[in-house]
Amino acid sequence: MSERETWLAALPVYNEVDYVDEILDKVVQYADHVLVVDDGSTDGTAERLAARSDVQVIRHAKNRGYGAALQTAFDYTRQNGFAGVVTLDCDGQHQPKRIPAFIDMARSADIVSGSRYLHHFEGDDAPPEERMFINRRITADLNRRLGLELTDSFCGFKAYRAEALAQFEITDTGYAMPLQLWVQAAASGLRVVEMAVPLIYLDLERSFGGALDHAETRLKHYNQVIDAEISRLCALGRHVTHATSGDSVCSHDAG
């Protein structure tokens, strides 16, 4: 990776008026180029962002979802010639001071994915039990089916090289977007490494959207997203193979 490479830090934001200024004040200390994708906030976040001159803001006229906000950030990264993008949430879960470490690790990887379960940090919060259960189940399923070696499939703190973004065709606009991304990353043979990050939970009441707030419904939906993406790629003739065994995933039942 050239020393002249320029990276972007991007934050999807939706109704984060209590955190947005504090988090951005820290992000701009560690990133020269910062993009905020305001996904239709209605709580005063938009007004806070409009008062800042140190970040670029793209606003969705209405709330389109977490996945849609990240896709906007991916498009901006590639359209503006950045070498890559570090994504982090704006709810206080991710520490901006770790941005340079993510970029540095991307010297030898296509995706650097934060993991809250790779290493225990002093002061780690206890994760909500149902969220941890779903994360572990889905992470284990992705590893088994695709030969990945993940410990945390849902952490939003990531670094992506621009070349990796070119391999993605993300259509899931919600919180299941990372699952579609992992299937596509495996199909493209992208180099993935994890970076340990602290386990911080400040928003224990996050809504995943209607029926998805029910844990069993959410788990079923996530499995359906994985099944559908594997089936879609196989139908397109993409050679989705198990990263460890080299066997074709397409030759097995999608379930």
Protein backbone atom coordinates (compact mmCIF):
# COMPACT_ATOMS: atom_id res chain seq x y z
CA MET A 1 0.00 0.00 0.00
CA SER A 2 1.49 3.32 -1.07
CA GLU A 3 2.10 5.97 1.56
CA ARG A 4 0.25 8.36 -0.77
CA GLU A 5 -2.97 6.41 -0.61
CA THR A 6 -5.91 8.39 0.71
CA TRP A 7 -8.55 6.69 2.80
CA LEU A 8 -12.06 7.69 3.76
CA ALA A 9 -13.82 7.20 7.10
CA ALA A 10 -17.57 6.77 6.67
CA LEU A 11 -20.37 6.67 9.22
CA PRO A 12 -23.98 5.63 8.55
CA VAL A 13 -26.16 7.75 10.81
CA TYR A 14 -29.84 7.56 11.71
CA ASN A 15 -31.26 9.57 14.61
CA GLU A 16 -28.00 9.85 16.57
CA VAL A 17 -28.41 13.40 17.87
CA ASP A 18 -27.11 12.37 21.31
CA TYR A 19 -23.82 11.03 19.93
CA VAL A 20 -23.11 12.55 16.53
CA ASP A 21 -21.06 15.60 17.51
CA GLU A 22 -19.02 13.82 20.17
CA ILE A 23 -18.18 10.94 17.83
CA LEU A 24 -17.36 13.14 14.84
CA ASP A 25 -15.14 15.36 16.97
CA LYS A 26 -13.04 12.25 17.59
CA VAL A 27 -13.23 10.81 14.07
CA VAL A 28 -11.80 13.96 12.45
CA GLN A 29 -8.75 13.61 14.70
CA TYR A 30 -7.87 10.30 13.05
CA ALA A 31 -9.16 10.70 9.48
CA ASP A 32 -8.52 13.50 6.99
CA HIS A 33 -11.60 12.67 4.93
CA VAL A 34 -14.88 11.89 6.67
CA LEU A 35 -18.25 11.09 5.11
CA VAL A 36 -21.49 10.93 7.05
CA VAL A 37 -24.46 9.25 5.38
CA ASP A 38 -27.53 10.62 7.14
CA ASP A 39 -30.18 7.99 6.48
CA GLY A 40 -33.22 10.25 6.83
CA SER A 41 -32.77 11.33 10.46
CA THR A 42 -35.71 13.19 12.02
CA ASP A 43 -34.41 13.90 15.55
CA GLY A 44 -32.20 16.93 14.90
CA THR A 45 -29.17 14.98 13.65
CA ALA A 46 -29.44 16.62 10.22
CA GLU A 47 -29.28 20.07 11.75
CA ARG A 48 -26.18 19.13 13.77
CA LEU A 49 -24.50 17.84 10.63
CA ALA A 50 -25.41 20.95 8.64
CA ALA A 51 -23.58 23.06 11.21
CA ARG A 52 -20.28 21.23 10.63
CA SER A 53 -17.73 22.15 7.99
CA ASP A 54 -15.23 19.35 8.71
CA VAL A 55 -17.20 16.43 7.26
CA GLN A 56 -18.91 15.63 3.96
CA VAL A 57 -22.60 14.78 4.33
CA ILE A 58 -24.86 12.82 2.02
CA ARG A 59 -28.47 12.79 3.15
CA HIS A 60 -31.09 10.23 2.18
CA ALA A 61 -34.43 11.99 1.90
CA LYS A 62 -36.05 9.14 3.83
CA ASN A 63 -34.80 6.27 5.95
CA ARG A 64 -33.62 3.53 3.60
CA GLY A 65 -31.78 1.23 6.01
CA TYR A 66 -28.31 0.41 7.31
CA GLY A 67 -27.29 -1.52 4.22
CA ALA A 68 -28.41 1.28 1.93
CA ALA A 69 -26.38 3.82 3.90
CA LEU A 70 -23.26 1.68 3.61
CA GLN A 71 -23.82 1.21 -0.12
CA THR A 72 -23.92 5.00 -0.48
CA ALA A 73 -20.58 5.15 1.35
CA PHE A 74 -19.11 2.43 -0.88
CA ASP A 75 -20.22 4.27 -4.02
CA TYR A 76 -18.73 7.54 -2.75
CA THR A 77 -15.44 5.81 -1.97
CA ARG A 78 -15.04 4.45 -5.49
CA GLN A 79 -16.38 7.52 -7.29
CA ASN A 80 -13.92 9.80 -5.51
CA GLY A 81 -10.81 7.70 -5.98
CA PHE A 82 -10.16 6.72 -2.37
CA ALA A 83 -7.91 3.72 -1.78
CA GLY A 84 -10.44 2.38 0.68
CA VAL A 85 -12.93 3.17 3.40
CA VAL A 86 -13.16 2.53 7.12
CA THR A 87 -16.75 2.22 8.27
CA LEU A 88 -17.82 2.77 11.85
CA ASP A 89 -21.07 3.38 13.66
CA CYS A 90 -22.05 6.65 15.27
CA ASP A 91 -23.58 5.25 18.45
CA GLY A 92 -20.41 5.13 20.56
CA GLN A 93 -19.71 1.42 20.03
CA HIS A 94 -16.58 1.99 17.93
CA GLN A 95 -13.48 3.89 19.01
CA PRO A 96 -12.28 6.31 16.30
CA LYS A 97 -8.71 6.10 17.60
CA ARG A 98 -8.51 2.63 16.03
CA ILE A 99 -9.07 3.92 12.47
CA PRO A 100 -5.31 4.13 11.64
CA ALA A 101 -4.79 0.54 12.82
CA PHE A 102 -7.56 -0.68 10.50
CA ILE A 103 -5.97 1.11 7.56
CA ASP A 104 -2.54 -0.27 8.43
CA MET A 105 -3.85 -3.84 8.60
CA ALA A 106 -5.46 -3.34 5.17
CA ARG A 107 -1.92 -3.40 3.74
CA SER A 108 -2.26 -7.19 3.62
CA ALA A 109 -6.02 -7.75 3.32
CA ASP A 110 -9.02 -6.81 1.22
CA ILE A 111 -11.33 -6.56 4.24
CA VAL A 112 -10.34 -5.93 7.84
CA SER A 113 -13.32 -6.80 10.01
CA GLY A 114 -13.62 -5.74 13.62
CA SER A 115 -14.31 -8.50 16.11
CA ARG A 116 -15.67 -7.99 19.60
CA TYR A 117 -15.02 -11.66 20.45
CA LEU A 118 -11.44 -12.14 19.27
CA HIS A 119 -9.86 -10.70 22.41
CA HIS A 120 -11.14 -9.63 25.82
CA PHE A 121 -10.45 -6.01 26.73
CA GLU A 122 -10.57 -4.76 30.28
CA GLY A 123 -13.88 -2.98 30.76
CA ASP A 124 -15.73 -4.86 28.00
CA ASP A 125 -19.50 -4.66 28.31
CA ALA A 126 -21.63 -7.76 28.56
CA PRO A 127 -23.45 -8.11 25.22
CA PRO A 128 -27.22 -8.61 25.15
CA GLU A 129 -27.65 -12.38 25.29
CA GLU A 130 -29.94 -12.75 22.30
CA ARG A 131 -27.70 -10.60 20.09
CA MET A 132 -24.63 -12.63 21.06
CA PHE A 133 -26.52 -15.90 20.48
CA ILE A 134 -27.65 -14.85 17.00
CA ASN A 135 -24.20 -13.52 16.12
CA ARG A 136 -22.52 -16.76 17.15
CA ARG A 137 -25.06 -18.94 15.33
CA ILE A 138 -24.83 -16.98 12.10
CA THR A 139 -21.03 -16.67 12.32
CA ALA A 140 -20.71 -20.45 12.82
CA ASP A 141 -23.02 -21.09 9.85
CA LEU A 142 -21.02 -18.78 7.58
CA ASN A 143 -17.77 -20.43 8.62
CA ARG A 144 -19.17 -23.93 8.11
CA ARG A 145 -20.76 -23.24 4.75
CA LEU A 146 -18.18 -20.93 3.21
CA GLY A 147 -14.96 -21.90 4.97
CA LEU A 148 -14.49 -18.49 6.53
CA GLU A 149 -12.74 -18.04 9.87
CA LEU A 150 -14.81 -15.28 11.45
CA THR A 151 -15.51 -14.73 15.12
CA ASP A 152 -17.90 -11.78 14.65
CA SER A 153 -19.95 -11.54 11.46
CA PHE A 154 -21.90 -8.40 12.37
CA CYS A 155 -19.39 -5.82 13.62
CA GLY A 156 -19.74 -2.62 11.58
CA PHE A 157 -16.18 -1.44 12.26
CA LYS A 158 -14.39 -2.48 9.07
CA ALA A 159 -11.84 -1.41 6.48
CA TYR A 160 -12.43 -2.20 2.82
CA ARG A 161 -9.98 -1.68 0.02
CA ALA A 162 -11.58 -0.05 -3.02
CA GLU A 163 -10.71 -3.08 -5.14
CA ALA A 164 -12.80 -5.22 -2.81
CA LEU A 165 -15.78 -2.87 -3.06
CA ALA A 166 -15.77 -3.41 -6.82
CA GLN A 167 -16.64 -7.08 -6.18
CA PHE A 168 -19.83 -6.33 -4.29
CA GLU A 169 -23.39 -6.09 -5.54
CA ILE A 170 -25.25 -5.25 -2.36
CA THR A 171 -29.04 -5.21 -2.57
CA ASP A 172 -30.00 -5.87 1.06
CA THR A 173 -30.79 -2.47 2.57
CA GLY A 174 -31.17 -3.57 6.19
CA TYR A 175 -29.10 -5.03 9.02
CA ALA A 176 -28.72 -8.33 7.11
CA MET A 177 -26.50 -6.59 4.56
CA PRO A 178 -23.25 -7.98 6.11
CA LEU A 179 -24.43 -11.54 5.40
CA GLN A 180 -24.86 -10.83 1.70
CA LEU A 181 -21.46 -9.18 1.77
CA TRP A 182 -19.77 -12.21 3.36
CA VAL A 183 -21.17 -14.58 0.74
CA GLN A 184 -19.94 -12.30 -2.04
CA ALA A 185 -16.55 -11.89 -0.38
CA ALA A 186 -16.15 -15.66 -0.21
CA ALA A 187 -17.25 -16.06 -3.83
CA SER A 188 -14.68 -13.48 -4.90
CA GLY A 189 -11.87 -15.05 -2.87
CA LEU A 190 -11.21 -11.83 -0.96
CA ARG A 191 -8.58 -11.80 1.75
CA VAL A 192 -10.31 -11.26 5.11
CA VAL A 193 -8.65 -10.69 8.48
CA GLU A 194 -10.17 -9.71 11.80
CA MET A 195 -9.01 -7.01 14.22
CA ALA A 196 -9.92 -7.22 17.89
CA VAL A 197 -12.00 -4.28 19.13
CA PRO A 198 -13.55 -3.64 22.56
CA LEU A 199 -17.08 -4.79 23.24
CA ILE A 200 -19.06 -1.60 23.90
CA TYR A 201 -22.85 -1.51 24.10
CA LEU A 202 -24.52 1.84 24.74
CA ASP A 203 -27.78 1.26 22.87
CA LEU A 204 -29.39 -1.84 24.35
CA GLU A 205 -32.80 -1.02 22.91
CA ARG A 206 -31.90 -0.88 19.22
CA SER A 207 -34.74 -1.81 16.92
CA PHE A 208 -34.01 -4.07 13.97
CA GLY A 209 -37.31 -3.14 12.34
CA GLY A 210 -40.77 -4.47 13.13
CA ALA A 211 -40.95 -8.27 13.26
CA LEU A 212 -37.14 -8.53 13.21
CA ASP A 213 -37.05 -7.33 16.82
CA HIS A 214 -38.18 -10.87 17.64
CA ALA A 215 -35.00 -12.95 17.99
CA GLU A 216 -36.26 -16.16 16.33
CA THR A 217 -37.76 -14.22 13.44
CA ARG A 218 -34.50 -12.33 12.98
CA LEU A 219 -32.43 -15.52 13.02
CA LYS A 220 -34.70 -17.13 10.45
CA HIS A 221 -34.48 -14.03 8.25
CA TYR A 222 -30.69 -13.99 8.43
CA ASN A 223 -30.51 -17.63 7.36
CA GLN A 224 -32.85 -16.89 4.46
CA VAL A 225 -30.58 -14.05 3.33
CA ILE A 226 -27.57 -16.39 3.30
CA ASP A 227 -29.49 -19.09 1.43
CA ALA A 228 -30.84 -16.63 -1.12
CA GLU A 229 -27.45 -15.06 -1.83
CA ILE A 230 -25.70 -18.40 -2.29
CA SER A 231 -28.49 -19.55 -4.60
CA ARG A 232 -28.40 -16.29 -6.56
CA LEU A 233 -24.66 -16.45 -7.16
CA CYS A 234 -24.78 -20.11 -8.11
CA ALA A 235 -27.58 -19.41 -10.60
CA LEU A 236 -25.38 -16.71 -12.14
CA GLY A 237 -22.59 -19.22 -12.61
CA ARG A 238 -20.37 -17.78 -9.89
CA HIS A 239 -18.07 -20.44 -8.49
CA VAL A 240 -18.89 -20.20 -4.81
CA THR A 241 -16.38 -22.50 -3.14
CA HIS A 242 -15.62 -23.45 0.43
CA ALA A 243 -12.49 -21.48 1.32
CA THR A 244 -10.90 -24.37 3.21
CA SER A 245 -11.89 -27.48 1.29
CA GLY A 246 -12.22 -25.91 -2.15
CA ASP A 247 -15.50 -27.80 -2.68
CA SER A 248 -18.27 -26.08 -4.56
CA VAL A 249 -20.96 -24.69 -2.27
CA CYS A 250 -23.33 -24.76 -5.23
CA SER A 251 -23.26 -28.53 -5.35
CA HIS A 252 -24.84 -28.77 -1.92
CA ASP A 253 -28.37 -28.05 -0.83
CA ALA A 254 -28.74 -24.34 -0.02
CA GLY A 255 -30.09 -25.17 3.42
